[in-house]
Protein backbone atom coordinates (compact mmCIF):
# COMPACT_ATOMS: atom_id res chain seq x y z
CA MET A 1 148.29 112.02 -0.08
CA LYS A 2 151.92 112.28 0.98
CA LEU A 3 150.91 113.15 4.56
CA TYR A 4 148.34 110.33 4.55
CA CYS A 5 151.06 107.82 3.68
CA LYS A 6 153.37 109.38 6.29
CA ALA A 7 150.67 108.90 8.96
CA LEU A 8 150.21 105.25 7.92
CA SER A 9 153.95 104.63 8.11
CA ASN A 10 154.00 106.05 11.67
CA THR A 11 151.12 103.86 12.87
CA LEU A 12 153.03 102.36 15.79
CA THR A 13 154.92 105.54 16.71
CA THR A 14 153.51 107.50 19.62
CA SER A 15 156.58 109.59 20.35
CA GLY A 16 157.04 112.98 18.81
CA ARG A 17 154.55 115.61 17.69
CA SER A 18 152.00 116.06 14.88
CA THR A 19 150.34 119.18 13.52
CA ARG A 20 146.68 119.93 12.85
CA THR A 21 147.53 119.66 9.15
CA ASP A 22 148.65 116.05 9.73
CA ILE A 23 145.27 115.23 11.27
CA VAL A 24 143.26 116.85 8.46
CA SER A 25 145.50 115.36 5.76
CA PHE A 26 144.83 111.92 7.19
CA MET A 27 141.12 112.34 7.94
CA ILE A 28 139.97 113.52 4.49
CA PRO A 29 141.33 110.51 2.52
CA HIS A 30 140.37 108.23 5.42
CA ILE A 31 136.72 109.29 5.28
CA ILE A 32 136.65 108.92 1.48
CA ILE A 33 138.20 105.43 1.65
CA CYS A 34 135.81 104.37 4.43
CA LEU A 35 132.78 105.55 2.46
CA TYR A 36 134.07 103.76 -0.65
CA LEU A 37 134.66 100.50 1.26
CA ILE A 38 131.28 100.68 3.01
CA TYR A 39 129.53 101.33 -0.30
CA GLY A 40 131.45 98.42 -1.85
CA TYR A 41 130.42 96.20 1.04
CA LEU A 42 126.77 97.19 0.71
CA ILE A 43 126.64 96.36 -2.99
CA GLY A 44 128.64 93.17 -2.49
CA VAL A 45 131.96 94.12 -4.13
CA THR A 46 134.12 94.52 -1.01
CA SER A 47 134.45 91.72 1.50
CA ASN A 48 133.88 92.14 5.20
CA ALA A 49 137.51 91.15 5.84
CA VAL A 50 138.89 94.02 3.73
CA LEU A 51 136.62 96.53 5.45
CA SER A 52 137.50 95.19 8.92
CA LEU A 53 141.22 95.15 8.18
CA TYR A 54 141.19 98.76 6.97
CA ILE A 55 139.16 99.95 9.95
CA CYS A 56 141.51 98.20 12.42
CA LEU A 57 144.61 99.60 10.73
CA SER A 58 143.20 103.11 10.49
CA THR A 59 142.03 103.03 14.12
CA LEU A 60 145.58 102.28 15.26
CA THR A 61 146.86 105.06 13.01
CA LEU A 62 144.30 107.52 14.37
CA ILE A 63 145.16 106.70 17.99
CA SER A 64 148.89 107.23 17.41
CA LEU A 65 148.19 110.41 15.42
CA PHE A 66 145.93 111.75 18.18
CA ILE A 67 148.58 110.98 20.82
CA ARG A 68 151.25 112.84 18.83
CA ARG A 69 148.82 115.74 18.33
CA ILE A 70 148.17 115.92 22.09
CA HIS A 71 151.96 115.92 22.57
CA ASP A 72 152.15 118.97 20.28
CA THR A 73 149.97 120.89 22.74
CA GLY A 74 152.35 119.96 25.57
CA HIS A 75 150.12 117.39 27.29
CA SER A 76 150.51 113.69 27.98
CA GLY A 77 149.24 111.21 25.42
CA TRP A 78 147.32 109.50 28.19
CA LEU A 79 144.64 112.15 27.64
CA ILE A 80 143.43 109.90 24.79
CA PHE A 81 141.55 108.02 27.49
CA MET A 82 139.24 111.03 27.78
CA LEU A 83 137.22 109.25 25.11
CA LEU A 84 136.05 106.88 27.84
CA ILE A 85 134.18 109.73 29.57
CA PRO A 86 130.63 109.62 28.18
CA GLY A 87 129.54 112.78 26.41
CA MET A 88 132.22 115.14 27.61
CA GLY A 89 135.20 113.03 26.57
CA MET A 90 134.82 113.60 22.82
CA ALA A 91 134.38 117.36 23.32
CA LEU A 92 137.56 117.55 25.41
CA LEU A 93 139.50 115.48 22.87
CA ILE A 94 138.33 117.72 20.00
CA PHE A 95 139.42 120.73 22.06
CA PHE A 96 142.94 119.34 22.50
CA LEU A 97 143.16 118.23 18.86
CA SER A 98 142.16 121.66 17.56
CA LYS A 99 144.26 123.64 20.04
CA LYS A 100 147.30 125.37 18.58
CA GLY A 101 150.52 123.50 19.31
CA GLN A 102 153.37 124.91 21.34
CA PRO A 103 155.62 127.04 19.09
CA TYR A 104 158.82 125.82 20.70
CA HIS A 105 160.56 122.61 21.69
CA ASN A 106 158.72 120.73 24.44
CA ARG A 107 159.42 117.49 26.30
CA TYR A 108 157.90 115.48 23.43
CA GLY A 109 160.14 116.82 20.69
CA TYR A 110 160.83 119.69 18.38
CA ASN A 111 158.16 121.85 16.81
CA PRO A 112 157.09 119.94 13.65
CA ARG A 113 156.15 123.18 11.89
CA SER A 114 159.73 124.46 12.09
CA GLU A 115 161.27 121.27 10.67
CA THR A 116 161.79 121.27 6.91
C-alpha cells in the first residue's frame, strides 16, 4: 500500500524512473478498488461522480507511471503513444513495461533499485 500511495503522490511527475514492482504494487490495489467501485455503482451505493473521479485520477497516475517505467528501460516516454496503434500498440507497450530496466544510471535518472 505504501508504493500505491507513492505512485498517487507522483501523479504529475513524468521525470525519473520506476521499477516493475512499482507498476505491480499500483495495479493490484487499483484493480481491487475499481472492482469495488463498479460493484458499488451497480448496486446503487457509489455515485457515478466518485467512480469517474477515481478513474480519471488513476488514469493520470498510470500514464505517468508508465512513462517513468519506459524511462527505466532507457527509452523516451513518448513511446506511450504506441497505445494509439491498433492491436500492436498494447503488445509493444506491455513488452516495454515488462522489460528489465537498465542496471545503471541513464539519461532519465539513477537506477531506482539501487536507491535506498
